[in-house]
């Protein structure tokens, strides 16, 4: 079954002062950086949430659902395929990490200090669970669900060092990412 790349587009960030999809990193929008990386590995890329002004396929969040779980549940319901999700605020995601996640069986969530739920693979078999979390406004990270995790020993073999789930939530985060890793490669 084909895995689809999903960009969790979210919306306006009060801490960034604009839509996170429109944040520029080295002259490129985060939305384009992430979508292009997903497109290198996967046959189809879909934005979930707001993606106005970008040349990518997009679907809106299902009404009544909250948080990142809303975008994941929406994508699973509407696409009915396994998905690799990447948050629109994660421009340093590595193509190798996307490839490894796409090749996983079932849902697979990288774990370091916490679950990296916005850089993970989800399977349609988990739709009901994720929908319930979204309806309840609960976080995928703070749940008592025993998600299948990918531990550091495994994701390190992909060459991953944690940059794929580094989130740009504030201007200082953007500066920190650029200091650590430089501009995201094209």
Protein backbone atom coordinates (compact mmCIF):
# COMPACT_ATOMS: atom_id res chain seq x y z
CA UNK A 1 0.00 0.00 0.00
CA UNK A 2 1.40 3.40 -0.99
CA UNK A 3 2.50 5.71 1.82
CA UNK A 4 1.52 9.37 1.38
CA UNK A 5 3.55 12.31 2.69
CA UNK A 6 1.53 14.70 4.82
CA UNK A 7 2.58 18.18 5.88
CA UNK A 8 0.75 19.23 9.05
CA UNK A 9 0.24 22.86 8.07
CA UNK A 10 -1.48 24.13 11.21
CA UNK A 11 -2.01 27.84 11.07
CA UNK A 12 -0.89 31.19 12.38
CA UNK A 13 1.67 31.09 15.15
CA UNK A 14 1.45 33.86 17.70
CA UNK A 15 5.10 33.35 18.64
CA UNK A 16 6.24 33.58 15.00
CA UNK A 17 3.79 36.35 14.12
CA UNK A 18 2.66 34.61 10.93
CA UNK A 19 1.53 31.33 9.45
CA UNK A 20 4.33 28.80 10.11
CA UNK A 21 4.07 27.58 6.50
CA UNK A 22 5.20 31.03 5.36
CA UNK A 23 8.21 31.29 7.66
CA UNK A 24 11.32 31.70 5.52
CA UNK A 25 14.50 29.77 6.16
CA UNK A 26 17.39 30.88 3.97
CA UNK A 27 14.96 32.44 1.47
CA UNK A 28 12.58 29.46 1.20
CA UNK A 29 9.25 28.85 2.92
CA UNK A 30 9.18 26.00 5.42
CA UNK A 31 6.14 24.58 3.60
CA UNK A 32 8.07 24.22 0.35
CA UNK A 33 11.20 22.85 2.04
CA UNK A 34 9.26 20.05 3.72
CA UNK A 35 6.97 19.25 0.79
CA UNK A 36 9.94 18.99 -1.57
CA UNK A 37 11.72 16.58 0.78
CA UNK A 38 8.59 14.42 1.11
CA UNK A 39 8.16 14.45 -2.69
CA UNK A 40 11.69 13.08 -3.16
CA UNK A 41 10.70 9.88 -1.37
CA UNK A 42 6.92 9.58 -1.69
CA UNK A 43 4.66 9.68 -4.74
CA UNK A 44 2.11 12.06 -3.25
CA UNK A 45 2.31 15.00 -0.84
CA UNK A 46 -0.75 16.53 0.81
CA UNK A 47 -1.04 19.49 3.16
CA UNK A 48 -3.55 19.14 5.97
CA UNK A 49 -4.82 22.35 7.50
CA UNK A 50 -4.06 25.74 6.05
CA UNK A 51 -1.95 25.84 2.92
CA UNK A 52 -3.22 28.92 1.12
CA UNK A 53 -0.76 30.41 -1.32
CA UNK A 54 1.24 27.25 -1.91
CA UNK A 55 1.22 25.03 -4.99
CA UNK A 56 0.57 21.78 -3.13
CA UNK A 57 -2.52 19.62 -2.77
CA UNK A 58 -4.36 20.50 0.44
CA UNK A 59 -7.27 19.26 2.55
CA UNK A 60 -8.82 21.06 5.52
CA UNK A 61 -8.93 19.65 9.04
CA UNK A 62 -12.09 17.79 9.97
CA UNK A 63 -14.27 20.14 12.07
CA UNK A 64 -14.40 19.56 15.82
CA UNK A 65 -10.94 18.01 16.10
CA UNK A 66 -8.05 19.64 17.94
CA UNK A 67 -4.26 19.71 17.73
CA UNK A 68 -1.85 17.75 15.56
CA UNK A 69 -4.01 14.68 16.11
CA UNK A 70 -6.71 16.49 14.11
CA UNK A 71 -4.50 16.73 11.03
CA UNK A 72 -3.37 13.14 11.37
CA UNK A 73 -6.93 11.84 11.81
CA UNK A 74 -8.13 13.94 8.87
CA UNK A 75 -5.36 12.62 6.62
CA UNK A 76 -5.94 9.00 7.61
CA UNK A 77 -9.70 9.32 7.09
CA UNK A 78 -9.57 11.15 3.77
CA UNK A 79 -6.54 9.42 2.22
CA UNK A 80 -7.12 5.90 3.62
CA UNK A 81 -3.41 5.09 3.28
CA UNK A 82 -0.42 4.96 5.60
CA UNK A 83 1.05 8.43 6.00
CA UNK A 84 4.38 9.94 6.96
CA UNK A 85 3.66 13.23 8.68
CA UNK A 86 6.02 16.15 9.13
CA UNK A 87 5.06 19.35 10.92
CA UNK A 88 5.36 22.48 8.81
CA UNK A 89 7.71 23.88 11.45
CA UNK A 90 10.34 21.13 10.95
CA UNK A 91 12.43 22.35 7.98
CA UNK A 92 15.50 20.30 8.89
CA UNK A 93 13.70 16.98 8.35
CA UNK A 94 16.05 14.55 6.64
CA UNK A 95 15.10 12.69 3.47
CA UNK A 96 16.71 9.56 4.95
CA UNK A 97 14.37 9.79 7.94
CA UNK A 98 11.34 10.15 5.68
CA UNK A 99 12.49 7.09 3.71
CA UNK A 100 12.98 5.03 6.88
CA UNK A 101 9.58 6.05 8.27
CA UNK A 102 7.88 5.23 4.96
CA UNK A 103 9.37 1.74 5.13
CA UNK A 104 8.12 1.01 8.65
CA UNK A 105 5.27 -1.40 9.33
CA UNK A 106 2.18 0.12 10.92
CA UNK A 107 2.42 3.27 12.99
CA UNK A 108 5.96 4.16 14.04
CA UNK A 109 6.92 7.16 16.17
CA UNK A 110 10.52 8.20 16.84
CA UNK A 111 11.26 8.62 20.52
CA UNK A 112 13.99 10.58 22.24
CA UNK A 113 13.06 12.59 25.33
CA UNK A 114 9.42 12.35 24.17
CA UNK A 115 7.41 10.97 21.28
CA UNK A 116 8.07 12.82 18.02
CA UNK A 117 4.45 12.67 16.89
CA UNK A 118 4.81 15.27 14.11
CA UNK A 119 7.62 13.39 12.37
CA UNK A 120 6.22 9.87 12.29
CA UNK A 121 4.36 7.22 10.33
CA UNK A 122 0.70 6.47 11.01
CA UNK A 123 -1.41 3.61 9.77
CA UNK A 124 -5.16 3.72 9.01
CA UNK A 125 -5.62 0.96 11.63
CA UNK A 126 -5.01 3.66 14.29
CA UNK A 127 -7.62 6.09 12.91
CA UNK A 128 -10.22 5.51 15.65
CA UNK A 129 -7.68 5.99 18.44
CA UNK A 130 -6.25 9.16 16.91
CA UNK A 131 -9.72 10.56 16.20
CA UNK A 132 -10.73 10.02 19.82
CA UNK A 133 -7.62 11.83 21.05
CA UNK A 134 -8.36 14.73 18.69
CA UNK A 135 -12.00 14.91 19.81
CA UNK A 136 -10.89 14.97 23.44
CA UNK A 137 -8.20 17.59 22.74
CA UNK A 138 -5.56 15.24 24.13
CA UNK A 139 -1.96 15.24 22.95
CA UNK A 140 -0.52 12.27 21.12
CA UNK A 141 2.59 12.71 23.30
CA UNK A 142 0.81 12.70 26.63
CA UNK A 143 -1.34 9.66 26.20
CA UNK A 144 -1.33 6.31 27.89
CA UNK A 145 -1.40 4.58 24.51
CA UNK A 146 1.48 2.21 23.92
CA UNK A 147 2.54 3.56 20.50
CA UNK A 148 5.12 1.57 18.52
CA UNK A 149 8.27 3.63 18.95
CA UNK A 150 11.57 3.91 17.15
CA UNK A 151 14.26 4.33 19.76
CA UNK A 152 17.45 6.42 19.34
CA UNK A 153 19.58 3.33 18.73
CA UNK A 154 17.53 2.63 15.60
CA UNK A 155 17.00 6.13 14.23
CA UNK A 156 20.69 6.90 14.69
CA UNK A 157 21.40 4.16 12.11
CA UNK A 158 19.55 6.32 9.57
CA UNK A 159 22.07 9.10 10.23
CA UNK A 160 19.39 10.93 12.24
CA UNK A 161 20.61 13.20 15.02
CA UNK A 162 17.29 14.73 16.06
CA UNK A 163 17.26 17.56 13.53
CA UNK A 164 14.23 16.09 11.72
CA UNK A 165 11.96 16.93 14.65
CA UNK A 166 13.56 20.23 15.60
CA UNK A 167 10.62 22.67 15.58
CA UNK A 168 10.80 26.32 14.60
CA UNK A 169 8.28 27.76 17.05
CA UNK A 170 9.97 31.11 17.68
CA UNK A 171 12.42 33.40 15.88
CA UNK A 172 15.12 32.26 18.33
CA UNK A 173 14.41 28.62 17.35
CA UNK A 174 15.01 29.57 13.73
CA UNK A 175 18.32 31.19 14.68
CA UNK A 176 19.27 28.10 16.73
CA UNK A 177 18.51 25.72 13.84
CA UNK A 178 20.59 27.80 11.45
CA UNK A 179 23.44 27.92 13.97
CA UNK A 180 23.38 24.14 14.51
CA UNK A 181 22.80 22.86 10.98
CA UNK A 182 22.96 25.77 8.56
CA UNK A 183 20.29 26.26 5.87
CA UNK A 184 18.20 23.16 5.16
CA UNK A 185 19.60 21.47 2.07
CA UNK A 186 17.47 21.78 -1.08
